[in-house]
Amino acid sequence: MPEGEVASQEDELGPIEHALEQLFRLNASRKVLNRRAAAAGVVISQSGFQLLRRIQEDEGLQIGELARLTDMDPAATGRQVAQLVADGLVTREKTSDDRRAVIVRATARGAGVRRSLGLVSERHMSDVLSGWSAHDRRCLAQLLPRLVEGLRTVPYRPDVAAETAREARSA
């Protein structure tokens, strides 16, 4: 890659990183979820919604697998599932193969909550993108999954200069 192209790429990384940080904070915001939940007429925590969505997508999961798929701590997942059960959004069912294994499944009420939140989200996204051209929407639809896959699979590289400096100080 030519030197000018590397500099140009580095100039673009800062604004991209900043925009992604804002997007991630917005997506993780309890305030934003509470507004969405209020618009849907439901009460659910951010992690509860994340788990409910995954449970319904996979039509039932064991808690350990659910924790792994959502990148949540297994103990925290168990506590959130207990709350979802108490709220009538999911059930726990012992499997016929291994009576110790428990499958978590969405109830009809849980499916309704997920559907309501999904509809509110879809309307919101439609409103957000209403001023975008069809071309821009297609580009976003094509590039965003590619970015997500890269963020998920590309490993972090260490800061070689910082590592060298630490090694020099400890020597």
C-alpha atoms as a PDB file:
ATOM      1  CA  MET A   1       0.000   0.000   0.000  1.00  0.00           C
ATOM      2  CA  PRO A   2       1.502   3.382  -0.958  1.00  0.00           C
ATOM      3  CA  GLU A   3       2.585   5.667   1.906  1.00  0.00           C
ATOM      4  CA  GLY A   4      -0.048   8.332   1.162  1.00  0.00           C
ATOM      5  CA  GLU A   5      -2.785   5.692   1.243  1.00  0.00           C
ATOM      6  CA  VAL A   6      -1.624   4.479   4.691  1.00  0.00           C
ATOM      7  CA  ALA A   7      -1.717   8.052   6.040  1.00  0.00           C
ATOM      8  CA  SER A   8      -5.191   8.563   4.561  1.00  0.00           C
ATOM      9  CA  GLN A   9      -6.432   5.328   6.149  1.00  0.00           C
ATOM     10  CA  GLU A  10      -5.018   6.385   9.537  1.00  0.00           C
ATOM     11  CA  ASP A  11      -6.750   9.787   9.229  1.00  0.00           C
ATOM     12  CA  GLU A  12     -10.073   7.980   8.713  1.00  0.00           C
ATOM     13  CA  LEU A  13      -9.656   5.591  11.664  1.00  0.00           C
ATOM     14  CA  GLY A  14     -10.083   8.236  14.379  1.00  0.00           C
ATOM     15  CA  PRO A  15     -13.531   9.409  13.263  1.00  0.00           C
ATOM     16  CA  ILE A  16     -14.625   5.804  12.636  1.00  0.00           C
ATOM     17  CA  GLU A  17     -13.477   4.748  16.134  1.00  0.00           C
ATOM     18  CA  HIS A  18     -15.233   7.756  17.677  1.00  0.00           C
ATOM     19  CA  ALA A  19     -18.494   7.071  15.824  1.00  0.00           C
ATOM     20  CA  LEU A  20     -18.363   3.387  16.820  1.00  0.00           C
ATOM     21  CA  GLU A  21     -17.757   4.292  20.481  1.00  0.00           C
ATOM     22  CA  GLN A  22     -20.817   6.545  20.366  1.00  0.00           C
ATOM     23  CA  LEU A  23     -22.865   3.811  18.668  1.00  0.00           C
ATOM     24  CA  PHE A  24     -21.801   1.176  21.213  1.00  0.00           C
ATOM     25  CA  ARG A  25     -22.596   3.501  24.139  1.00  0.00           C
ATOM     26  CA  LEU A  26     -25.961   4.357  22.619  1.00  0.00           C
ATOM     27  CA  ASN A  27     -26.773   0.689  22.051  1.00  0.00           C
ATOM     28  CA  ALA A  28     -25.785  -0.219  25.634  1.00  0.00           C
ATOM     29  CA  SER A  29     -27.619   2.733  27.178  1.00  0.00           C
ATOM     30  CA  ARG A  30     -30.261   1.842  29.738  1.00  0.00           C
ATOM     31  CA  LYS A  31     -31.915   5.175  29.034  1.00  0.00           C
ATOM     32  CA  VAL A  32     -32.302   4.315  25.341  1.00  0.00           C
ATOM     33  CA  LEU A  33     -33.650   0.822  26.123  1.00  0.00           C
ATOM     34  CA  ASN A  34     -36.082   2.297  28.647  1.00  0.00           C
ATOM     35  CA  ARG A  35     -37.406   4.728  26.012  1.00  0.00           C
ATOM     36  CA  ARG A  36     -37.771   1.883  23.503  1.00  0.00           C
ATOM     37  CA  ALA A  37     -39.433  -0.358  26.102  1.00  0.00           C
ATOM     38  CA  ALA A  38     -41.794   2.458  27.116  1.00  0.00           C
ATOM     39  CA  ALA A  39     -42.743   2.987  23.452  1.00  0.00           C
ATOM     40  CA  ALA A  40     -43.469  -0.761  23.227  1.00  0.00           C
ATOM     41  CA  GLY A  41     -45.359  -0.749  26.536  1.00  0.00           C
ATOM     42  CA  VAL A  42     -43.034  -3.282  28.218  1.00  0.00           C
ATOM     43  CA  VAL A  43     -40.545  -3.409  31.082  1.00  0.00           C
ATOM     44  CA  ILE A  44     -37.308  -5.352  30.527  1.00  0.00           C
ATOM     45  CA  SER A  45     -33.612  -4.880  31.296  1.00  0.00           C
ATOM     46  CA  GLN A  46     -30.986  -4.455  28.591  1.00  0.00           C
ATOM     47  CA  SER A  47     -29.445  -7.860  29.302  1.00  0.00           C
ATOM     48  CA  GLY A  48     -32.901  -9.420  29.703  1.00  0.00           C
ATOM     49  CA  PHE A  49     -33.830  -8.219  26.219  1.00  0.00           C
ATOM     50  CA  GLN A  50     -30.540  -9.499  24.792  1.00  0.00           C
ATOM     51  CA  LEU A  51     -31.162 -12.928  26.324  1.00  0.00           C
ATOM     52  CA  LEU A  52     -34.825 -13.041  25.308  1.00  0.00           C
ATOM     53  CA  ARG A  53     -33.921 -12.194  21.720  1.00  0.00           C
ATOM     54  CA  ARG A  54     -31.290 -14.942  21.601  1.00  0.00           C
ATOM     55  CA  ILE A  55     -33.549 -17.516  23.279  1.00  0.00           C
ATOM     56  CA  GLN A  56     -36.303 -16.858  20.771  1.00  0.00           C
ATOM     57  CA  GLU A  57     -33.948 -16.832  17.766  1.00  0.00           C
ATOM     58  CA  ASP A  58     -32.583 -20.252  18.702  1.00  0.00           C
ATOM     59  CA  GLU A  59     -35.941 -21.605  19.910  1.00  0.00           C
ATOM     60  CA  GLY A  60     -34.508 -22.573  23.279  1.00  0.00           C
ATOM     61  CA  LEU A  61     -31.012 -22.891  24.723  1.00  0.00           C
ATOM     62  CA  GLN A  62     -29.206 -24.252  27.737  1.00  0.00           C
ATOM     63  CA  ILE A  63     -28.053 -21.480  30.076  1.00  0.00           C
ATOM     64  CA  GLY A  64     -24.338 -22.165  29.509  1.00  0.00           C
ATOM     65  CA  GLU A  65     -24.764 -21.968  25.745  1.00  0.00           C
ATOM     66  CA  LEU A  66     -26.912 -18.864  26.115  1.00  0.00           C
ATOM     67  CA  ALA A  67     -24.160 -17.203  28.185  1.00  0.00           C
ATOM     68  CA  ARG A  68     -21.556 -18.126  25.590  1.00  0.00           C
ATOM     69  CA  LEU A  69     -23.600 -16.889  22.639  1.00  0.00           C
ATOM     70  CA  THR A  70     -24.372 -13.560  24.315  1.00  0.00           C
ATOM     71  CA  ASP A  71     -20.855 -13.075  25.749  1.00  0.00           C
ATOM     72  CA  MET A  72     -22.318 -12.839  29.247  1.00  0.00           C
ATOM     73  CA  ASP A  73     -21.051 -14.261  32.520  1.00  0.00           C
ATOM     74  CA  PRO A  74     -22.834 -17.587  33.230  1.00  0.00           C
ATOM     75  CA  ALA A  75     -23.842 -16.499  36.756  1.00  0.00           C
ATOM     76  CA  ALA A  76     -25.245 -13.194  35.461  1.00  0.00           C
ATOM     77  CA  THR A  77     -27.049 -15.100  32.714  1.00  0.00           C
ATOM     78  CA  GLY A  78     -28.615 -17.382  35.319  1.00  0.00           C
ATOM     79  CA  ARG A  79     -29.807 -14.391  37.369  1.00  0.00           C
ATOM     80  CA  GLN A  80     -31.267 -12.693  34.287  1.00  0.00           C
ATOM     81  CA  VAL A  81     -33.004 -15.906  33.193  1.00  0.00           C
ATOM     82  CA  ALA A  82     -34.503 -16.205  36.690  1.00  0.00           C
ATOM     83  CA  GLN A  83     -35.909 -12.686  36.298  1.00  0.00           C
ATOM     84  CA  LEU A  84     -37.268 -13.500  32.826  1.00  0.00           C
ATOM     85  CA  VAL A  85     -38.954 -16.604  34.318  1.00  0.00           C
ATOM     86  CA  ALA A  86     -40.419 -14.497  37.155  1.00  0.00           C
ATOM     87  CA  ASP A  87     -41.723 -12.021  34.567  1.00  0.00           C
ATOM     88  CA  GLY A  88     -43.364 -14.861  32.608  1.00  0.00           C
ATOM     89  CA  LEU A  89     -41.221 -14.256  29.516  1.00  0.00           C
ATOM     90  CA  VAL A  90     -39.375 -17.602  29.447  1.00  0.00           C
ATOM     91  CA  THR A  91     -39.679 -21.086  30.908  1.00  0.00           C
ATOM     92  CA  ARG A  92     -37.070 -23.557  32.053  1.00  0.00           C
ATOM     93  CA  GLU A  93     -37.635 -27.142  30.935  1.00  0.00           C
ATOM     94  CA  LYS A  94     -35.584 -30.210  31.808  1.00  0.00           C
ATOM     95  CA  THR A  95     -34.465 -32.112  28.729  1.00  0.00           C
ATOM     96  CA  SER A  96     -35.573 -35.695  28.271  1.00  0.00           C
ATOM     97  CA  ASP A  97     -31.993 -36.824  27.497  1.00  0.00           C
ATOM     98  CA  ASP A  98     -30.286 -35.436  30.590  1.00  0.00           C
ATOM     99  CA  ARG A  99     -32.610 -34.542  33.458  1.00  0.00           C
ATOM    100  CA  ARG A 100     -29.899 -32.176  34.829  1.00  0.00           C
ATOM    101  CA  ALA A 101     -29.847 -30.097  31.638  1.00  0.00           C
ATOM    102  CA  VAL A 102     -32.320 -27.243  31.413  1.00  0.00           C
ATOM    103  CA  ILE A 103     -33.527 -25.614  28.207  1.00  0.00           C
ATOM    104  CA  VAL A 104     -34.774 -22.030  28.367  1.00  0.00           C
ATOM    105  CA  ARG A 105     -37.618 -21.219  25.957  1.00  0.00           C
ATOM    106  CA  ALA A 106     -39.598 -18.058  25.273  1.00  0.00           C
ATOM    107  CA  THR A 107     -43.242 -18.084  26.364  1.00  0.00           C
ATOM    108  CA  ALA A 108     -46.009 -16.619  24.235  1.00  0.00           C
ATOM    109  CA  ARG A 109     -45.784 -13.514  26.429  1.00  0.00           C
ATOM    110  CA  GLY A 110     -42.000 -13.370  25.883  1.00  0.00           C
ATOM    111  CA  ALA A 111     -42.479 -13.678  22.131  1.00  0.00           C
ATOM    112  CA  GLY A 112     -44.999 -10.832  22.287  1.00  0.00           C
ATOM    113  CA  VAL A 113     -42.595  -8.610  24.235  1.00  0.00           C
ATOM    114  CA  ARG A 114     -39.829  -9.340  21.756  1.00  0.00           C
ATOM    115  CA  ARG A 115     -42.161  -8.669  18.826  1.00  0.00           C
ATOM    116  CA  SER A 116     -43.324  -5.352  20.336  1.00  0.00           C
ATOM    117  CA  LEU A 117     -39.753  -4.207  20.960  1.00  0.00           C
ATOM    118  CA  GLY A 118     -38.777  -5.314  17.464  1.00  0.00           C
ATOM    119  CA  LEU A 119     -41.593  -3.343  15.856  1.00  0.00           C
ATOM    120  CA  VAL A 120     -40.668  -0.206  17.816  1.00  0.00           C
ATOM    121  CA  SER A 121     -37.019  -0.659  16.779  1.00  0.00           C
ATOM    122  CA  GLU A 122     -37.938  -1.177  13.123  1.00  0.00           C
ATOM    123  CA  ARG A 123     -40.117   1.954  13.071  1.00  0.00           C
ATOM    124  CA  HIS A 124     -37.351   3.926  14.763  1.00  0.00           C
ATOM    125  CA  MET A 125     -34.721   2.726  12.275  1.00  0.00           C
ATOM    126  CA  SER A 126     -37.079   3.536   9.428  1.00  0.00           C
ATOM    127  CA  ASP A 127     -37.504   7.059  10.811  1.00  0.00           C
ATOM    128  CA  VAL A 128     -33.738   7.464  11.330  1.00  0.00           C
ATOM    129  CA  LEU A 129     -32.953   6.369   7.762  1.00  0.00           C
ATOM    130  CA  SER A 130     -35.911   8.090   6.070  1.00  0.00           C
ATOM    131  CA  GLY A 131     -33.717  10.954   4.855  1.00  0.00           C
ATOM    132  CA  TRP A 132     -31.042   8.629   3.491  1.00  0.00           C
ATOM    133  CA  SER A 133     -30.857   7.799  -0.189  1.00  0.00           C
ATOM    134  CA  ALA A 134     -31.596   4.237  -1.293  1.00  0.00           C
ATOM    135  CA  HIS A 135     -27.942   3.948  -2.307  1.00  0.00           C
ATOM    136  CA  ASP A 136     -26.724   4.978   1.174  1.00  0.00           C
ATOM    137  CA  ARG A 137     -29.108   2.518   2.853  1.00  0.00           C
ATOM    138  CA  ARG A 138     -27.879  -0.304   0.565  1.00  0.00           C
ATOM    139  CA  CYS A 139     -24.246   0.598   1.331  1.00  0.00           C
ATOM    140  CA  LEU A 140     -24.939   0.573   5.080  1.00  0.00           C
ATOM    141  CA  ALA A 141     -26.743  -2.777   4.785  1.00  0.00           C
ATOM    142  CA  GLN A 142     -23.754  -4.202   2.926  1.00  0.00           C
ATOM    143  CA  LEU A 143     -20.927  -2.678   4.981  1.00  0.00           C
ATOM    144  CA  LEU A 144     -22.264  -2.922   8.529  1.00  0.00           C
ATOM    145  CA  PRO A 145     -22.396  -6.757   8.677  1.00  0.00           C
ATOM    146  CA  ARG A 146     -18.895  -6.837   7.193  1.00  0.00           C
ATOM    147  CA  LEU A 147     -17.668  -4.490   9.942  1.00  0.00           C
ATOM    148  CA  VAL A 148     -19.381  -6.531  12.660  1.00  0.00           C
ATOM    149  CA  GLU A 149     -17.796  -9.746  11.378  1.00  0.00           C
ATOM    150  CA  GLY A 150     -14.371  -8.098  11.345  1.00  0.00           C
ATOM    151  CA  LEU A 151     -14.814  -6.771  14.886  1.00  0.00           C
ATOM    152  CA  ARG A 152     -15.846 -10.254  15.988  1.00  0.00           C
ATOM    153  CA  THR A 153     -13.064 -12.240  14.283  1.00  0.00           C
ATOM    154  CA  VAL A 154      -9.966 -10.087  13.732  1.00  0.00           C
ATOM    155  CA  PRO A 155      -7.612 -10.412  16.731  1.00  0.00           C
ATOM    156  CA  TYR A 156      -6.172  -7.387  18.512  1.00  0.00           C
ATOM    157  CA  ARG A 157      -2.502  -6.669  17.879  1.00  0.00           C
ATOM    158  CA  PRO A 158      -0.317  -5.474  20.747  1.00  0.00           C
ATOM    159  CA  ASP A 159       1.225  -2.003  20.743  1.00  0.00           C
ATOM    160  CA  VAL A 160       4.801  -3.022  19.898  1.00  0.00           C
ATOM    161  CA  ALA A 161       6.279   0.358  20.933  1.00  0.00           C
ATOM    162  CA  ALA A 162       4.596   0.229  24.361  1.00  0.00           C
ATOM    163  CA  GLU A 163       5.615  -3.398  24.816  1.00  0.00           C
ATOM    164  CA  THR A 164       9.241  -2.577  23.933  1.00  0.00           C
ATOM    165  CA  ALA A 165       9.218   0.362  26.372  1.00  0.00           C
ATOM    166  CA  ARG A 166       7.861  -1.853  29.184  1.00  0.00           C
ATOM    167  CA  GLU A 167      10.522  -4.454  28.478  1.00  0.00           C
ATOM    168  CA  ALA A 168      13.243  -1.753  28.518  1.00  0.00           C
ATOM    169  CA  ARG A 169      11.996  -0.402  31.894  1.00  0.00           C
ATOM    170  CA  SER A 170      11.890  -3.859  33.465  1.00  0.00           C
ATOM    171  CA  ALA A 171      15.385  -4.787  32.240  1.00  0.00           C
END
